[in-house]
Amino acid sequence: METKAIAKTVRMSPMKARLVADNVRGMSFPVAVDMLSYMPNSSAAIILKTLKSAGANAKNIDPDLQEADLFVKKITIDEGVRLKRFRPRARGRASRIRKKTSHVTVVLSDE
């Protein structure tokens, strides 16, 4: 059985979030939760929230399922839309600031 959870348009850079996601991929669910809860990265909190949501989805589908049986089968961080902001520059010009967003997808499995 596979369950998944998706967090869309999260205000963090995909490149920074992938550094955290690579550490958790393939781990069992309880170990991944423990590891993410003690990581100092700001993206770890968002990935942890998505991971717990996928775990809750698994419990909702099969109430008899043990959390120790689950593991992180797939975790992907995709690039979302970019927020475009402008900052005033010299001589009446403006420069563009691109604020990156991410889509976090976590797939848990018990097989």
N, C-alpha and C. Protein backbone atom coordinates (compact mmCIF):
# COMPACT_ATOMS: atom_id res chain seq x y z
N MET A 1 0.84 -1.17 0.00
CA MET A 1 0.00 0.00 0.00
C MET A 1 0.89 1.25 0.00
N GLU A 2 0.54 2.18 -0.83
CA GLU A 2 1.26 3.45 -0.90
C GLU A 2 0.32 4.59 -0.55
N THR A 3 0.84 5.56 0.19
CA THR A 3 0.10 6.79 0.46
C THR A 3 1.01 7.96 0.17
N LYS A 4 0.39 9.08 -0.19
CA LYS A 4 1.21 10.24 -0.48
C LYS A 4 0.57 11.50 0.04
N ALA A 5 1.40 12.51 0.22
CA ALA A 5 0.96 13.83 0.64
C ALA A 5 1.76 14.85 -0.17
N ILE A 6 1.09 15.94 -0.53
CA ILE A 6 1.72 16.98 -1.35
C ILE A 6 1.52 18.33 -0.67
N ALA A 7 2.60 19.09 -0.57
CA ALA A 7 2.53 20.48 -0.10
C ALA A 7 2.92 21.35 -1.29
N LYS A 8 1.99 22.18 -1.73
CA LYS A 8 2.24 22.99 -2.92
C LYS A 8 2.53 24.44 -2.57
N THR A 9 3.31 25.06 -3.42
CA THR A 9 3.67 26.48 -3.35
C THR A 9 4.20 26.86 -1.97
N VAL A 10 5.18 26.12 -1.52
CA VAL A 10 5.83 26.38 -0.24
C VAL A 10 6.94 27.39 -0.48
N ARG A 11 7.04 28.42 0.35
CA ARG A 11 7.99 29.50 0.15
C ARG A 11 9.40 29.11 0.61
N MET A 12 10.04 28.23 -0.16
CA MET A 12 11.44 27.90 0.09
C MET A 12 12.06 27.49 -1.23
N SER A 13 13.35 27.65 -1.30
CA SER A 13 14.07 27.31 -2.52
C SER A 13 14.13 25.80 -2.70
N PRO A 14 13.85 25.29 -3.91
CA PRO A 14 13.91 23.85 -4.12
C PRO A 14 15.30 23.27 -3.91
N MET A 15 16.31 24.03 -4.25
CA MET A 15 17.68 23.54 -4.11
C MET A 15 18.04 23.31 -2.64
N LYS A 16 17.63 24.23 -1.77
CA LYS A 16 17.91 24.08 -0.34
C LYS A 16 17.08 22.96 0.27
N ALA A 17 15.86 22.78 -0.21
CA ALA A 17 14.99 21.73 0.32
C ALA A 17 15.46 20.34 -0.10
N ARG A 18 16.06 20.24 -1.28
CA ARG A 18 16.53 18.94 -1.75
C ARG A 18 17.68 18.41 -0.90
N LEU A 19 18.46 19.30 -0.31
CA LEU A 19 19.55 18.88 0.57
C LEU A 19 19.01 18.11 1.77
N VAL A 20 17.88 18.56 2.30
CA VAL A 20 17.26 17.89 3.44
C VAL A 20 16.55 16.63 2.99
N ALA A 21 15.86 16.69 1.85
CA ALA A 21 15.10 15.54 1.36
C ALA A 21 16.00 14.36 1.02
N ASP A 22 17.21 14.63 0.55
CA ASP A 22 18.13 13.54 0.20
C ASP A 22 18.56 12.75 1.43
N ASN A 23 18.60 13.40 2.60
CA ASN A 23 18.98 12.71 3.83
C ASN A 23 17.92 11.75 4.32
N VAL A 24 16.66 12.00 3.99
CA VAL A 24 15.54 11.23 4.54
C VAL A 24 15.08 10.12 3.61
N ARG A 25 15.37 10.22 2.34
CA ARG A 25 14.88 9.26 1.35
C ARG A 25 15.32 7.83 1.68
N GLY A 26 14.35 6.91 1.70
CA GLY A 26 14.63 5.50 1.94
C GLY A 26 14.61 5.08 3.40
N MET A 27 14.45 6.02 4.31
CA MET A 27 14.45 5.69 5.75
C MET A 27 13.10 5.19 6.20
N SER A 28 13.08 4.53 7.35
CA SER A 28 11.80 4.15 7.92
C SER A 28 11.11 5.41 8.46
N PHE A 29 9.80 5.34 8.60
CA PHE A 29 9.01 6.52 8.98
C PHE A 29 9.40 7.10 10.34
N PRO A 30 9.50 6.28 11.42
CA PRO A 30 9.85 6.87 12.72
C PRO A 30 11.25 7.49 12.75
N VAL A 31 12.20 6.87 12.06
CA VAL A 31 13.57 7.41 12.03
C VAL A 31 13.60 8.73 11.26
N ALA A 32 12.85 8.80 10.17
CA ALA A 32 12.80 10.02 9.37
C ALA A 32 12.16 11.17 10.15
N VAL A 33 11.12 10.86 10.91
CA VAL A 33 10.48 11.90 11.73
C VAL A 33 11.44 12.41 12.79
N ASP A 34 12.17 11.50 13.45
CA ASP A 34 13.14 11.91 14.47
C ASP A 34 14.25 12.76 13.86
N MET A 35 14.75 12.34 12.70
CA MET A 35 15.84 13.07 12.08
C MET A 35 15.41 14.47 11.66
N LEU A 36 14.22 14.58 11.07
CA LEU A 36 13.75 15.89 10.60
C LEU A 36 13.42 16.83 11.76
N SER A 37 12.95 16.27 12.87
CA SER A 37 12.57 17.15 13.98
C SER A 37 13.78 17.80 14.64
N TYR A 38 14.98 17.23 14.48
CA TYR A 38 16.18 17.82 15.08
C TYR A 38 17.08 18.53 14.09
N MET A 39 16.68 18.61 12.83
CA MET A 39 17.48 19.33 11.83
C MET A 39 17.27 20.83 11.98
N PRO A 40 18.34 21.62 11.87
CA PRO A 40 18.20 23.07 12.03
C PRO A 40 17.69 23.80 10.79
N ASN A 41 17.62 23.12 9.65
CA ASN A 41 17.20 23.77 8.41
C ASN A 41 15.73 24.16 8.47
N SER A 42 15.39 25.29 7.86
CA SER A 42 14.00 25.73 7.87
C SER A 42 13.13 24.85 6.98
N SER A 43 13.72 24.25 5.95
CA SER A 43 12.95 23.39 5.07
C SER A 43 12.61 22.06 5.74
N ALA A 44 13.34 21.68 6.78
CA ALA A 44 13.08 20.42 7.48
C ALA A 44 11.70 20.43 8.14
N ALA A 45 11.29 21.59 8.63
CA ALA A 45 9.98 21.69 9.29
C ALA A 45 8.84 21.45 8.29
N ILE A 46 8.98 21.96 7.09
CA ILE A 46 7.94 21.80 6.08
C ILE A 46 7.91 20.37 5.56
N ILE A 47 9.08 19.78 5.37
CA ILE A 47 9.14 18.39 4.92
C ILE A 47 8.60 17.47 6.02
N LEU A 48 8.87 17.78 7.28
CA LEU A 48 8.34 17.00 8.40
C LEU A 48 6.82 17.06 8.44
N LYS A 49 6.27 18.23 8.22
CA LYS A 49 4.81 18.39 8.20
C LYS A 49 4.17 17.57 7.09
N THR A 50 4.79 17.56 5.92
CA THR A 50 4.28 16.78 4.80
C THR A 50 4.43 15.28 5.07
N LEU A 51 5.53 14.88 5.70
CA LEU A 51 5.76 13.48 6.04
C LEU A 51 4.73 12.98 7.04
N LYS A 52 4.44 13.80 8.05
CA LYS A 52 3.42 13.41 9.04
C LYS A 52 2.03 13.34 8.40
N SER A 53 1.78 14.20 7.43
CA SER A 53 0.50 14.16 6.72
C SER A 53 0.36 12.87 5.93
N ALA A 54 1.44 12.43 5.28
CA ALA A 54 1.41 11.16 4.55
C ALA A 54 1.20 9.99 5.52
N GLY A 55 1.80 10.06 6.71
CA GLY A 55 1.60 9.03 7.72
C GLY A 55 0.16 8.99 8.21
N ALA A 56 -0.45 10.17 8.37
CA ALA A 56 -1.85 10.23 8.78
C ALA A 56 -2.76 9.69 7.69
N ASN A 57 -2.40 9.94 6.43
CA ASN A 57 -3.18 9.39 5.32
C ASN A 57 -3.13 7.86 5.32
N ALA A 58 -1.96 7.31 5.64
CA ALA A 58 -1.81 5.86 5.71
C ALA A 58 -2.65 5.27 6.84
N LYS A 59 -2.67 5.95 7.99
CA LYS A 59 -3.48 5.49 9.12
C LYS A 59 -4.97 5.60 8.82
N ASN A 60 -5.34 6.58 8.02
CA ASN A 60 -6.73 6.77 7.65
C ASN A 60 -7.22 5.66 6.72
N ILE A 61 -6.34 5.21 5.83
CA ILE A 61 -6.70 4.14 4.90
C ILE A 61 -6.76 2.80 5.63
N ASP A 62 -5.75 2.51 6.47
CA ASP A 62 -5.66 1.24 7.18
C ASP A 62 -5.37 1.51 8.66
N PRO A 63 -6.40 1.53 9.51
CA PRO A 63 -6.19 1.86 10.93
C PRO A 63 -5.32 0.85 11.69
N ASP A 64 -5.20 -0.38 11.18
CA ASP A 64 -4.40 -1.39 11.86
C ASP A 64 -2.92 -1.30 11.52
N LEU A 65 -2.54 -0.41 10.64
CA LEU A 65 -1.17 -0.29 10.18
C LEU A 65 -0.27 0.28 11.27
N GLN A 66 0.90 -0.31 11.45
CA GLN A 66 1.89 0.17 12.41
C GLN A 66 2.81 1.18 11.72
N GLU A 67 3.16 2.26 12.43
CA GLU A 67 4.02 3.28 11.84
C GLU A 67 5.43 2.74 11.57
N ALA A 68 5.86 1.76 12.33
CA ALA A 68 7.20 1.19 12.15
C ALA A 68 7.31 0.43 10.84
N ASP A 69 6.19 0.01 10.26
CA ASP A 69 6.21 -0.72 8.99
C ASP A 69 6.39 0.20 7.79
N LEU A 70 6.12 1.49 7.95
CA LEU A 70 6.20 2.43 6.83
C LEU A 70 7.63 2.90 6.59
N PHE A 71 7.93 3.19 5.34
CA PHE A 71 9.21 3.82 5.01
C PHE A 71 8.99 4.82 3.88
N VAL A 72 9.93 5.74 3.75
CA VAL A 72 9.84 6.79 2.74
C VAL A 72 10.28 6.20 1.40
N LYS A 73 9.30 5.90 0.56
CA LYS A 73 9.61 5.30 -0.73
C LYS A 73 10.14 6.33 -1.71
N LYS A 74 9.48 7.49 -1.75
CA LYS A 74 9.88 8.53 -2.70
C LYS A 74 9.61 9.89 -2.09
N ILE A 75 10.54 10.79 -2.24
CA ILE A 75 10.33 12.17 -1.81
C ILE A 75 10.93 13.07 -2.88
N THR A 76 10.10 13.95 -3.43
CA THR A 76 10.56 14.83 -4.50
C THR A 76 10.27 16.28 -4.14
N ILE A 77 11.17 17.14 -4.56
CA ILE A 77 11.00 18.57 -4.39
C ILE A 77 11.04 19.17 -5.79
N ASP A 78 9.89 19.64 -6.26
CA ASP A 78 9.79 20.24 -7.59
C ASP A 78 9.69 21.75 -7.47
N GLU A 79 10.05 22.43 -8.54
CA GLU A 79 9.99 23.88 -8.53
C GLU A 79 8.57 24.36 -8.79
N GLY A 80 8.12 25.30 -8.00
CA GLY A 80 6.78 25.88 -8.16
C GLY A 80 6.86 27.19 -8.92
N VAL A 81 5.81 27.98 -8.82
CA VAL A 81 5.79 29.29 -9.47
C VAL A 81 6.76 30.22 -8.78
N ARG A 82 7.24 31.22 -9.50
CA ARG A 82 8.13 32.21 -8.91
C ARG A 82 7.37 33.50 -8.66
N LEU A 83 7.51 34.02 -7.46
CA LEU A 83 6.92 35.31 -7.14
C LEU A 83 7.86 36.39 -7.65
N LYS A 84 7.33 37.34 -8.40
CA LYS A 84 8.17 38.37 -8.98
C LYS A 84 7.96 39.69 -8.24
N ARG A 85 9.04 40.22 -7.70
CA ARG A 85 9.01 41.49 -6.97
C ARG A 85 10.03 42.42 -7.62
N PHE A 86 9.88 43.72 -7.40
CA PHE A 86 10.79 44.69 -7.99
C PHE A 86 11.40 45.56 -6.92
N ARG A 87 12.68 45.92 -7.13
CA ARG A 87 13.41 46.77 -6.19
C ARG A 87 13.92 47.99 -6.98
N PRO A 88 13.75 49.18 -6.43
CA PRO A 88 14.24 50.37 -7.13
C PRO A 88 15.77 50.39 -7.19
N ARG A 89 16.29 50.82 -8.34
CA ARG A 89 17.73 50.91 -8.54
C ARG A 89 18.10 52.33 -8.95
N ALA A 90 19.33 52.52 -9.28
CA ALA A 90 19.83 53.86 -9.62
C ALA A 90 19.22 54.37 -10.93
N ARG A 91 19.12 55.66 -11.03
CA ARG A 91 18.69 56.38 -12.23
C ARG A 91 17.27 55.99 -12.66
N GLY A 92 16.39 55.72 -11.72
CA GLY A 92 14.99 55.47 -12.03
C GLY A 92 14.68 54.09 -12.58
N ARG A 93 15.62 53.19 -12.51
CA ARG A 93 15.39 51.85 -13.04
C ARG A 93 14.89 50.94 -11.93
N ALA A 94 14.56 49.71 -12.32
CA ALA A 94 14.10 48.71 -11.35
C ALA A 94 14.74 47.37 -11.69
N SER A 95 15.04 46.59 -10.66
CA SER A 95 15.56 45.24 -10.91
C SER A 95 14.58 44.24 -10.34
N ARG A 96 14.51 43.10 -10.99
CA ARG A 96 13.55 42.07 -10.62
C ARG A 96 14.13 41.16 -9.54
N ILE A 97 13.31 40.80 -8.56
CA ILE A 97 13.67 39.81 -7.55
C ILE A 97 12.74 38.63 -7.76
N ARG A 98 13.31 37.44 -7.90
CA ARG A 98 12.51 36.23 -8.10
C ARG A 98 12.53 35.41 -6.83
N LYS A 99 11.39 35.26 -6.20
CA LYS A 99 11.29 34.47 -4.98
C LYS A 99 10.79 33.08 -5.35
N LYS A 100 11.60 32.08 -5.08
CA LYS A 100 11.29 30.72 -5.53
C LYS A 100 10.36 30.01 -4.58
N THR A 101 9.53 29.13 -5.14
CA THR A 101 8.64 28.29 -4.35
C THR A 101 8.85 26.83 -4.74
N SER A 102 8.34 25.93 -3.91
CA SER A 102 8.55 24.49 -4.14
C SER A 102 7.25 23.73 -3.96
N HIS A 103 7.21 22.56 -4.59
CA HIS A 103 6.16 21.57 -4.36
C HIS A 103 6.83 20.35 -3.74
N VAL A 104 6.39 19.96 -2.54
CA VAL A 104 6.97 18.82 -1.82
C VAL A 104 6.02 17.63 -1.93
N THR A 105 6.52 16.49 -2.42
CA THR A 105 5.72 15.28 -2.54
C THR A 105 6.42 14.17 -1.76
N VAL A 106 5.67 13.54 -0.84
CA VAL A 106 6.20 12.44 -0.04
C VAL A 106 5.33 11.21 -0.27
N VAL A 107 5.96 10.09 -0.63
CA VAL A 107 5.24 8.82 -0.85
C VAL A 107 5.76 7.83 0.18
N LEU A 108 4.84 7.27 0.99
CA LEU A 108 5.18 6.25 1.98
C LEU A 108 4.68 4.90 1.50
N SER A 109 5.38 3.84 1.87
CA SER A 109 4.98 2.50 1.48
C SER A 109 5.26 1.54 2.64
N ASP A 110 4.55 0.43 2.66
CA ASP A 110 4.79 -0.59 3.69
C ASP A 110 5.33 -1.88 3.09
N GLU A 111 5.70 -1.86 1.84
CA GLU A 111 6.17 -3.07 1.17
C GLU A 111 7.68 -3.13 1.15
